[in-house]
Amino acid sequence: MVLLGTLVNGMAIILGALLGLIFTRIPENVKTTVMQAIALAVILLGIGMGLESDQFLITIGSLVLGGLLGEWGKIEARLNAFGYWMEKKAGNNGGEGLFAKGFVTASLVYVVGAMAVLGALDSGLRLDHSLLYTKAMLDGFSAIFFASMMGIGVLFSVVPVVLYQGAIALLAGQINRVVPDPLLEMFITEMTAAGGVMIVAIGLRLLGIVDVKVANLLPAIPVVFIITALLYFF
């Protein structure tokens, strides 16, 4: 089943978020320490991903162009607005935007990164779900602490995760036919690096060091593909 890995990933996020909502009485000092540990691990993961670039100018260029497109399209603001809308629909009006914060933060952490893309491609091309199973464990564990601190919005992050990874898995066969293997490998390498920079930004955001509008950097992913395709063919 092509979507098995994605569905398992989604169920892990739901289960983790529900557990986090149940265990809300975790002491604040424990929550803070664990969240800081997760943020530091996220930063370390991002640095490792960022260093995988073979041509760092592609990473810089894609982030700059992607950031410009994201600011123009106001992606962060639209995601937050969507989160606030869901917050009202859920009748959670007393959370002072915590619902939206949980939804946006968790969605970015679970969607941005090589594991989401590579895992979905493996699912679609080879029916190998092992990478998404690993991602499911990581996402499920972090969802417990995200939900305990940021509430039910984390639970709804499953929607973009399933849509994003599911679309890649379903389209994997077409991607493999249209995109040459060397170009696909080049794209994944540079996309991993660009995603790594965004992952670092998410970690810094979780630590409260700097409030980077990470969602506005998301267009860097398709920009990476355009740049790598131009370099590959020309």
Protein backbone atom coordinates (compact mmCIF):
# COMPACT_ATOMS: atom_id res chain seq x y z
CA MET A 1 0.00 0.00 0.00
CA VAL A 2 1.61 3.24 -1.17
CA LEU A 3 0.19 5.41 1.62
CA LEU A 4 0.88 3.01 4.49
CA GLY A 5 3.98 4.87 5.74
CA THR A 6 2.22 8.22 5.58
CA LEU A 7 -0.84 6.90 7.42
CA VAL A 8 1.34 5.36 10.16
CA ASN A 9 3.15 8.69 10.47
CA GLY A 10 -0.18 10.48 10.80
CA MET A 11 -1.47 8.04 13.42
CA ALA A 12 1.74 8.46 15.44
CA ILE A 13 1.25 12.24 15.51
CA ILE A 14 -2.39 11.84 16.56
CA LEU A 15 -1.50 9.34 19.31
CA GLY A 16 1.39 11.46 20.56
CA ALA A 17 -0.72 14.63 20.59
CA LEU A 18 -3.56 12.88 22.45
CA LEU A 19 -1.11 11.59 25.06
CA GLY A 20 0.28 15.11 25.41
CA LEU A 21 -3.23 16.49 25.94
CA ILE A 22 -3.89 13.85 28.61
CA PHE A 23 -0.63 14.39 30.48
CA THR A 24 -0.98 18.15 30.83
CA ARG A 25 0.08 18.04 34.47
CA ILE A 26 3.74 17.57 33.59
CA PRO A 27 5.62 20.04 35.82
CA GLU A 28 6.54 23.27 34.04
CA ASN A 29 10.26 22.84 34.78
CA VAL A 30 10.16 19.37 33.17
CA LYS A 31 8.28 20.73 30.12
CA THR A 32 10.79 23.54 29.74
CA THR A 33 13.81 21.27 30.01
CA VAL A 34 12.40 18.70 27.59
CA MET A 35 11.35 21.38 25.09
CA GLN A 36 14.82 22.93 25.25
CA ALA A 37 16.34 19.48 24.71
CA ILE A 38 14.09 18.91 21.68
CA ALA A 39 14.95 22.38 20.32
CA LEU A 40 18.68 21.73 20.69
CA ALA A 41 18.31 18.33 19.00
CA VAL A 42 16.35 19.99 16.18
CA ILE A 43 19.13 22.57 15.74
CA LEU A 44 21.79 19.83 15.65
CA LEU A 45 19.72 17.91 13.08
CA GLY A 46 19.37 21.06 10.99
CA ILE A 47 23.09 21.80 11.07
CA GLY A 48 23.87 18.27 9.93
CA MET A 49 21.38 18.58 7.08
CA GLY A 50 22.70 22.01 6.09
CA LEU A 51 26.25 20.72 5.81
CA GLU A 52 25.20 18.13 3.21
CA SER A 53 25.08 20.76 0.45
CA ASP A 54 27.51 20.25 -2.44
CA GLN A 55 26.94 23.81 -3.69
CA PHE A 56 26.07 26.09 -0.80
CA LEU A 57 25.36 28.99 -3.14
CA ILE A 58 22.25 27.06 -4.24
CA THR A 59 21.15 26.90 -0.61
CA ILE A 60 21.68 30.62 -0.09
CA GLY A 61 20.06 31.58 -3.39
CA SER A 62 17.03 29.36 -2.86
CA LEU A 63 16.47 30.65 0.68
CA VAL A 64 16.75 34.28 -0.43
CA LEU A 65 14.42 33.84 -3.41
CA GLY A 66 12.11 31.59 -1.42
CA GLY A 67 11.99 34.12 1.40
CA LEU A 68 11.05 36.88 -1.03
CA LEU A 69 8.26 34.74 -2.48
CA GLY A 70 7.08 33.74 1.00
CA GLU A 71 6.96 37.35 2.18
CA TRP A 72 5.10 38.35 -0.97
CA GLY A 73 2.59 35.53 -0.48
CA LYS A 74 2.40 36.10 3.31
CA ILE A 75 2.54 32.32 3.89
CA GLU A 76 3.26 32.60 7.63
CA ALA A 77 0.38 35.03 8.15
CA ARG A 78 -1.98 32.83 6.14
CA LEU A 79 -0.98 29.71 8.09
CA ASN A 80 -1.53 31.55 11.37
CA ALA A 81 -4.87 32.85 10.13
CA PHE A 82 -5.86 29.30 9.23
CA GLY A 83 -4.79 28.19 12.71
CA TYR A 84 -6.88 30.94 14.33
CA TRP A 85 -9.86 29.93 12.17
CA MET A 86 -9.56 26.31 13.28
CA GLU A 87 -9.16 27.51 16.87
CA LYS A 88 -12.54 29.26 16.67
CA LYS A 89 -14.17 26.26 15.00
CA ALA A 90 -12.84 24.04 17.77
CA GLY A 91 -14.31 26.41 20.35
CA ASN A 92 -10.88 27.00 21.85
CA ASN A 93 -11.09 30.77 22.05
CA GLY A 94 -9.26 31.14 25.32
CA GLY A 95 -5.91 29.95 24.12
CA GLU A 96 -4.63 33.38 23.03
CA GLY A 97 -3.31 32.00 19.77
CA LEU A 98 -1.73 28.93 21.35
CA PHE A 99 -3.76 26.69 19.04
CA ALA A 100 -2.34 28.44 15.96
CA LYS A 101 1.18 28.36 17.43
CA GLY A 102 0.95 24.62 18.05
CA PHE A 103 -0.48 23.94 14.61
CA VAL A 104 2.08 26.03 12.69
CA THR A 105 5.11 24.97 14.75
CA ALA A 106 4.34 21.25 14.64
CA SER A 107 3.41 21.37 10.94
CA LEU A 108 6.73 22.99 10.06
CA VAL A 109 8.77 20.58 12.18
CA TYR A 110 7.05 17.53 10.64
CA VAL A 111 6.95 18.74 7.02
CA VAL A 112 10.28 20.53 6.58
CA GLY A 113 13.13 18.08 6.20
CA ALA A 114 14.53 15.33 4.06
CA MET A 115 12.82 12.47 5.90
CA ALA A 116 9.37 13.64 4.76
CA VAL A 117 10.41 13.78 1.10
CA LEU A 118 12.73 10.78 0.99
CA GLY A 119 10.39 8.65 3.06
CA ALA A 120 7.43 9.48 0.83
CA LEU A 121 9.50 8.78 -2.31
CA ASP A 122 10.59 5.40 -0.91
CA SER A 123 6.96 4.60 -0.14
CA GLY A 124 5.82 5.53 -3.62
CA LEU A 125 8.67 4.02 -5.64
CA ARG A 126 9.65 0.91 -3.69
CA LEU A 127 6.82 0.43 -1.16
CA ASP A 128 9.58 0.75 1.45
CA HIS A 129 8.04 2.51 4.45
CA SER A 130 10.95 2.06 6.87
CA LEU A 131 12.06 5.71 6.74
CA LEU A 132 8.53 6.97 7.39
CA TYR A 133 8.18 4.47 10.25
CA THR A 134 11.31 6.00 11.80
CA LYS A 135 9.91 9.48 11.23
CA ALA A 136 6.63 8.36 12.79
CA MET A 137 8.42 7.41 16.02
CA LEU A 138 10.24 10.74 16.16
CA ASP A 139 7.13 12.77 15.33
CA GLY A 140 4.96 10.85 17.77
CA PHE A 141 7.40 11.31 20.63
CA SER A 142 7.83 15.04 20.01
CA ALA A 143 4.04 15.46 19.60
CA ILE A 144 3.59 14.39 23.23
CA PHE A 145 5.61 17.34 24.49
CA PHE A 146 4.44 19.79 21.83
CA ALA A 147 0.80 19.08 22.69
CA SER A 148 1.39 19.23 26.45
CA MET A 149 2.82 22.74 26.00
CA MET A 150 0.94 24.15 22.99
CA GLY A 151 -2.36 22.29 23.12
CA ILE A 152 -4.68 20.70 20.61
CA GLY A 153 -3.36 22.66 17.62
CA VAL A 154 -0.52 20.12 17.44
CA LEU A 155 -3.08 17.39 16.75
CA PHE A 156 -4.28 19.18 13.60
CA SER A 157 -0.74 19.30 12.19
CA VAL A 158 -1.47 15.77 10.97
CA VAL A 159 -3.49 17.27 8.09
CA PRO A 160 -0.62 19.00 6.20
CA VAL A 161 1.71 16.09 6.99
CA VAL A 162 -0.61 13.49 5.45
CA LEU A 163 -1.48 15.71 2.47
CA TYR A 164 2.16 16.61 1.75
CA GLN A 165 3.71 13.18 2.17
CA GLY A 166 0.74 11.42 0.61
CA ALA A 167 0.91 13.60 -2.50
CA ILE A 168 4.64 12.89 -2.92
CA ALA A 169 4.10 9.15 -2.45
CA LEU A 170 1.27 9.04 -4.98
CA LEU A 171 3.20 11.12 -7.53
CA ALA A 172 6.50 9.29 -6.98
CA GLY A 173 6.04 7.08 -10.02
CA GLN A 174 5.47 10.06 -12.29
CA ILE A 175 8.40 11.94 -10.72
CA ASN A 176 10.69 8.98 -11.39
CA ARG A 177 9.64 8.87 -15.06
CA VAL A 178 10.03 12.59 -15.70
CA VAL A 179 13.03 13.53 -13.54
CA PRO A 180 16.43 11.90 -14.33
CA ASP A 181 18.03 10.12 -11.37
CA PRO A 182 21.13 12.41 -11.23
CA LEU A 183 18.88 15.49 -11.12
CA LEU A 184 16.69 13.93 -8.44
CA GLU A 185 19.75 13.12 -6.31
CA MET A 186 21.10 16.64 -6.80
CA PHE A 187 17.73 18.13 -5.84
CA ILE A 188 17.41 15.97 -2.71
CA THR A 189 20.92 16.93 -1.58
CA GLU A 190 20.36 20.66 -1.99
CA MET A 191 16.78 20.48 -0.70
CA THR A 192 18.10 18.73 2.40
CA ALA A 193 20.54 21.60 2.97
CA ALA A 194 17.89 24.29 2.52
CA GLY A 195 15.52 22.35 4.76
CA GLY A 196 18.31 22.05 7.33
CA VAL A 197 18.62 25.84 7.57
CA MET A 198 14.85 26.03 8.14
CA ILE A 199 15.11 23.30 10.79
CA VAL A 200 17.78 25.35 12.61
CA ALA A 201 15.45 28.36 12.46
CA ILE A 202 12.65 26.27 13.98
CA GLY A 203 14.97 25.20 16.82
CA LEU A 204 15.97 28.79 17.53
CA ARG A 205 12.30 29.73 17.48
CA LEU A 206 11.46 26.98 19.99
CA LEU A 207 14.20 28.29 22.28
CA GLY A 208 12.75 31.80 22.01
CA ILE A 209 16.02 33.21 20.68
CA VAL A 210 14.68 34.65 17.43
CA ASP A 211 11.22 34.57 15.86
CA VAL A 212 12.07 33.55 12.29
CA LYS A 213 9.09 33.38 9.90
CA VAL A 214 10.01 29.86 8.82
CA ALA A 215 6.83 29.31 6.81
CA ASN A 216 7.82 32.22 4.56
CA LEU A 217 10.95 30.27 3.63
CA LEU A 218 9.01 27.23 2.37
CA PRO A 219 9.04 28.38 -1.29
CA ALA A 220 12.79 27.74 -1.14
CA ILE A 221 12.01 24.03 -1.73
CA PRO A 222 10.53 24.46 -5.25
CA VAL A 223 13.13 27.17 -5.94
CA VAL A 224 15.86 24.61 -5.18
CA PHE A 225 14.37 22.32 -7.81
CA ILE A 226 14.24 25.10 -10.41
CA ILE A 227 17.86 26.10 -9.77
CA THR A 228 19.17 22.52 -9.81
CA ALA A 229 17.19 21.75 -12.98
CA LEU A 230 18.65 24.82 -14.72
CA LEU A 231 22.17 23.82 -13.67
CA TYR A 232 21.62 20.20 -14.71
CA PHE A 233 20.23 20.94 -18.19
CA PHE A 234 22.20 24.09 -19.03
